[in-house]
């Protein structure tokens, strides 16, 4: 039976409204005169965060490699002897993250700007994630504490670099590793305040975590790290072809 003109009109309106909503969500990422392509690249790094934390929590012994707030809490649990938490793994992750942040800080002080800075950081992250991937593929999981702690340390080192560089780039609502302030702003800001990037950062990390968890739970930890490495390589490649935007990103 042929649809009525009224039904077709309703479908057209629904498609138009859905398209308008999607355009409003994506526009701040691809049409930003102040930050250029940096927002969409940082969303990609936010997906990486979800992937690597899924691997670290589910396969490396309840340790965060990107979210240091959670890791400090886990350290407290481990220090009291709570079952299922590793003091060594958490300490290694915190140390790795601090070393990565220090490395990111040195990159910033070298004077590299905007997209070039992000490209350098993404390449370094890719190398670290690739080494962690090679170790997981070679040894396999579950593995001894020394191995899982080494993998956690490598991933935390990468996330520390990412966090330091994202902090310097200072693109609003896109820290890539922390959502607390994005969620706070989403609820606390006036109704006319832009919320698109906050929503996208939450969706990106959630999506990365879901994908990572599905792969890990199906025994594909290496695949989860491979996806993260592929995203980092993509970010590096796109950054290389991106001109530096507004001087604010210097």
Protein backbone atom coordinates (compact mmCIF):
# COMPACT_ATOMS: atom_id res chain seq x y z
CA UNK A 1 0.00 0.00 0.00
CA UNK A 2 1.32 3.42 -0.96
CA UNK A 3 2.08 5.81 1.90
CA UNK A 4 -0.16 8.85 2.10
CA UNK A 5 1.15 12.34 1.40
CA UNK A 6 0.69 13.11 5.11
CA UNK A 7 2.88 10.16 6.14
CA UNK A 8 5.53 11.09 3.58
CA UNK A 9 5.46 14.68 4.79
CA UNK A 10 5.91 13.50 8.37
CA UNK A 11 8.90 11.35 7.37
CA UNK A 12 10.45 14.25 5.47
CA UNK A 13 10.05 16.53 8.47
CA UNK A 14 11.58 13.90 10.75
CA UNK A 15 14.56 13.46 8.41
CA UNK A 16 15.00 17.22 8.17
CA UNK A 17 14.89 17.64 11.96
CA UNK A 18 17.32 14.75 12.47
CA UNK A 19 19.67 16.21 9.87
CA UNK A 20 19.48 19.65 11.46
CA UNK A 21 20.23 18.21 14.89
CA UNK A 22 23.24 16.30 13.54
CA UNK A 23 24.50 19.38 11.72
CA UNK A 24 24.20 21.45 14.91
CA UNK A 25 26.16 18.79 16.80
CA UNK A 26 28.95 18.45 14.26
CA UNK A 27 29.30 22.09 13.13
CA UNK A 28 31.33 23.19 16.18
CA UNK A 29 33.92 20.52 15.32
CA UNK A 30 34.42 21.24 11.64
CA UNK A 31 33.65 24.94 11.35
CA UNK A 32 35.65 26.47 14.18
CA UNK A 33 37.58 29.56 13.02
CA UNK A 34 39.47 29.72 16.30
CA UNK A 35 40.67 26.12 16.56
CA UNK A 36 40.40 24.76 13.03
CA UNK A 37 40.28 20.95 12.91
CA UNK A 38 41.59 20.53 16.44
CA UNK A 39 38.14 19.83 17.98
CA UNK A 40 37.37 16.85 15.76
CA UNK A 41 40.89 15.47 16.32
CA UNK A 42 40.50 15.80 20.08
CA UNK A 43 37.19 13.92 19.88
CA UNK A 44 39.16 11.11 18.21
CA UNK A 45 41.61 11.12 21.11
CA UNK A 46 38.67 10.97 23.53
CA UNK A 47 37.59 7.72 21.86
CA UNK A 48 41.14 6.42 22.39
CA UNK A 49 40.79 7.20 26.10
CA UNK A 50 37.68 5.04 26.36
CA UNK A 51 39.40 2.19 24.52
CA UNK A 52 42.57 2.10 26.61
CA UNK A 53 40.75 2.47 29.92
CA UNK A 54 38.48 -0.42 28.93
CA UNK A 55 41.59 -2.54 28.36
CA UNK A 56 43.27 -1.44 31.57
CA UNK A 57 40.24 -1.89 33.82
CA UNK A 58 39.05 -5.18 32.37
CA UNK A 59 42.38 -6.88 31.57
CA UNK A 60 45.19 -5.21 33.49
CA UNK A 61 43.83 -5.57 37.00
CA UNK A 62 41.43 -2.73 37.77
CA UNK A 63 43.77 0.12 36.99
CA UNK A 64 43.03 3.33 35.11
CA UNK A 65 45.63 4.58 32.65
CA UNK A 66 43.87 7.81 31.61
CA UNK A 67 41.59 8.75 34.49
CA UNK A 68 43.97 9.53 37.34
CA UNK A 69 41.16 10.60 39.68
CA UNK A 70 39.84 7.06 39.61
CA UNK A 71 43.36 5.69 39.89
CA UNK A 72 44.08 7.62 43.09
CA UNK A 73 40.87 6.19 44.54
CA UNK A 74 42.00 2.70 43.47
CA UNK A 75 45.35 3.35 45.14
CA UNK A 76 43.51 4.04 48.36
CA UNK A 77 41.60 0.77 48.02
CA UNK A 78 44.79 -1.16 47.27
CA UNK A 79 46.62 0.44 50.20
CA UNK A 80 43.99 -0.92 52.58
CA UNK A 81 44.28 -4.42 51.12
CA UNK A 82 40.89 -4.39 49.41
CA UNK A 83 40.64 -7.50 47.21
CA UNK A 84 40.98 -7.13 43.44
CA UNK A 85 43.16 -4.01 43.44
CA UNK A 86 46.91 -3.91 42.79
CA UNK A 87 49.02 -1.33 44.59
CA UNK A 88 51.93 -1.97 42.21
CA UNK A 89 49.87 -1.61 39.03
CA UNK A 90 48.21 1.59 40.25
CA UNK A 91 51.55 3.11 41.29
CA UNK A 92 53.10 2.22 37.94
CA UNK A 93 50.16 3.80 36.11
CA UNK A 94 50.38 7.02 38.13
CA UNK A 95 54.16 7.17 37.62
CA UNK A 96 53.75 6.52 33.90
CA UNK A 97 51.10 9.21 33.59
CA UNK A 98 53.28 11.75 35.39
CA UNK A 99 56.24 10.89 33.15
CA UNK A 100 54.00 11.29 30.11
CA UNK A 101 52.69 14.63 31.32
CA UNK A 102 56.27 15.80 31.86
CA UNK A 103 57.11 14.71 28.31
CA UNK A 104 54.09 16.57 26.99
CA UNK A 105 55.18 19.63 28.91
CA UNK A 106 58.59 19.51 27.27
CA UNK A 107 56.92 19.28 23.85
CA UNK A 108 54.92 22.39 24.67
CA UNK A 109 58.00 24.30 25.84
CA UNK A 110 59.80 23.49 22.59
CA UNK A 111 57.46 25.98 20.97
CA UNK A 112 55.63 23.60 18.65
CA UNK A 113 52.16 24.98 17.99
CA UNK A 114 48.62 23.77 17.37
CA UNK A 115 48.28 20.97 14.87
CA UNK A 116 52.04 20.36 14.74
CA UNK A 117 52.08 19.85 18.51
CA UNK A 118 49.14 17.46 18.30
CA UNK A 119 50.82 15.55 15.48
CA UNK A 120 53.99 15.03 17.53
CA UNK A 121 52.00 13.93 20.57
CA UNK A 122 49.86 11.51 18.54
CA UNK A 123 52.96 9.92 16.97
CA UNK A 124 54.55 9.39 20.39
CA UNK A 125 51.29 7.94 21.71
CA UNK A 126 51.04 5.64 18.72
CA UNK A 127 54.55 4.28 19.37
CA UNK A 128 53.77 3.64 23.05
CA UNK A 129 50.42 1.95 22.32
CA UNK A 130 52.06 -0.11 19.56
CA UNK A 131 54.73 -1.33 22.01
CA UNK A 132 52.01 -2.21 24.54
CA UNK A 133 50.11 -4.04 21.79
CA UNK A 134 53.21 -6.00 20.78
CA UNK A 135 53.79 -7.01 24.41
CA UNK A 136 50.19 -8.17 24.84
CA UNK A 137 50.31 -10.10 21.57
CA UNK A 138 53.61 -11.75 22.51
CA UNK A 139 52.88 -12.67 26.14
CA UNK A 140 49.10 -12.91 26.07
CA UNK A 141 46.63 -12.10 28.83
CA UNK A 142 46.14 -12.91 31.64
CA UNK A 143 49.82 -12.41 32.40
CA UNK A 144 52.09 -12.00 35.43
CA UNK A 145 51.84 -8.75 37.39
CA UNK A 146 55.15 -7.50 35.96
CA UNK A 147 53.79 -7.75 32.42
CA UNK A 148 50.38 -6.19 33.09
CA UNK A 149 52.02 -3.38 35.06
CA UNK A 150 54.42 -2.71 32.19
CA UNK A 151 51.54 -2.53 29.72
CA UNK A 152 49.62 -0.23 32.08
CA UNK A 153 52.70 1.96 32.46
CA UNK A 154 53.14 2.29 28.69
CA UNK A 155 49.48 3.20 28.17
CA UNK A 156 49.55 5.67 31.08
CA UNK A 157 52.66 7.27 29.61
CA UNK A 158 50.76 7.81 26.35
CA UNK A 159 47.75 9.24 28.17
CA UNK A 160 49.94 11.60 30.16
CA UNK A 161 51.36 13.03 26.93
CA UNK A 162 47.85 13.38 25.52
CA UNK A 163 46.53 15.10 28.62
CA UNK A 164 49.37 17.62 28.79
CA UNK A 165 49.05 18.56 25.12
CA UNK A 166 45.24 18.80 25.24
CA UNK A 167 45.55 20.99 28.32
CA UNK A 168 47.88 23.34 26.47
CA UNK A 169 45.70 23.47 23.35
CA UNK A 170 42.82 24.45 25.65
CA UNK A 171 39.99 23.73 23.22
CA UNK A 172 36.85 24.30 25.35
CA UNK A 173 35.11 21.16 26.64
CA UNK A 174 37.59 18.77 25.00
CA UNK A 175 40.15 17.65 27.58
CA UNK A 176 40.10 14.11 26.05
CA UNK A 177 40.56 12.29 29.38
CA UNK A 178 38.25 13.90 31.95
CA UNK A 179 34.48 14.35 31.76
CA UNK A 180 33.68 15.64 35.24
CA UNK A 181 33.79 19.33 34.27
CA UNK A 182 32.02 18.67 30.95
CA UNK A 183 29.14 17.00 32.77
CA UNK A 184 29.10 19.74 35.40
CA UNK A 185 28.95 22.41 32.69
CA UNK A 186 26.25 20.51 30.82
CA UNK A 187 24.01 20.68 33.88
CA UNK A 188 25.10 23.97 35.43
CA UNK A 189 25.55 26.31 32.44
CA UNK A 190 22.70 28.60 31.31
CA UNK A 191 20.34 27.14 28.73
CA UNK A 192 21.77 29.30 25.94
CA UNK A 193 25.34 28.09 26.55
CA UNK A 194 26.70 25.72 23.84
CA UNK A 195 26.54 22.08 24.88
CA UNK A 196 27.48 20.32 21.64
CA UNK A 197 31.13 19.66 22.49
CA UNK A 198 30.28 18.53 26.00
CA UNK A 199 27.81 16.04 24.58
CA UNK A 200 30.25 14.84 21.93
CA UNK A 201 33.05 14.33 24.44
CA UNK A 202 30.77 12.18 26.59
CA UNK A 203 29.53 10.20 23.57
CA UNK A 204 33.09 9.72 22.30
CA UNK A 205 34.44 8.35 25.57
CA UNK A 206 31.35 6.20 26.11
CA UNK A 207 31.63 4.83 22.59
CA UNK A 208 35.32 4.05 23.01
CA UNK A 209 34.65 2.32 26.32
CA UNK A 210 31.78 0.25 24.85
CA UNK A 211 33.84 -0.81 21.84
CA UNK A 212 36.84 -1.62 24.02
CA UNK A 213 34.75 -3.61 26.48
CA UNK A 214 33.04 -5.62 23.74
CA UNK A 215 36.38 -6.51 22.16
CA UNK A 216 38.03 -7.37 25.48
CA UNK A 217 35.12 -9.51 26.67
CA UNK A 218 35.33 -11.46 23.40
CA UNK A 219 39.02 -12.13 23.96
CA UNK A 220 40.17 -9.44 21.51
CA UNK A 221 42.33 -7.24 23.73
CA UNK A 222 44.88 -6.86 20.95
CA UNK A 223 42.11 -5.71 18.61
CA UNK A 224 41.05 -3.01 21.09
CA UNK A 225 44.62 -1.71 21.28
CA UNK A 226 44.90 -1.95 17.49
CA UNK A 227 41.86 0.28 17.07
CA UNK A 228 43.37 2.78 19.52
CA UNK A 229 46.66 2.73 17.62
CA UNK A 230 44.83 3.20 14.32
CA UNK A 231 42.97 6.22 15.66
CA UNK A 232 46.21 7.75 16.91
CA UNK A 233 47.83 7.25 13.53
CA UNK A 234 44.80 8.87 11.87
CA UNK A 235 44.97 11.86 14.22
CA UNK A 236 48.68 12.24 13.49
CA UNK A 237 48.12 12.05 9.72
CA UNK A 238 45.26 14.56 9.70
CA UNK A 239 47.19 16.89 12.01
CA UNK A 240 50.08 16.81 9.57
CA UNK A 241 47.83 18.15 6.78
CA UNK A 242 46.18 20.75 9.00
CA UNK A 243 47.38 24.33 9.14
CA UNK A 244 47.75 25.92 12.55
CA UNK A 245 44.64 27.90 13.46
CA UNK A 246 44.36 30.96 15.68
CA UNK A 247 47.52 31.88 17.61
CA UNK A 248 45.68 31.03 20.80
CA UNK A 249 46.66 27.40 20.21
CA UNK A 250 50.36 28.23 20.30
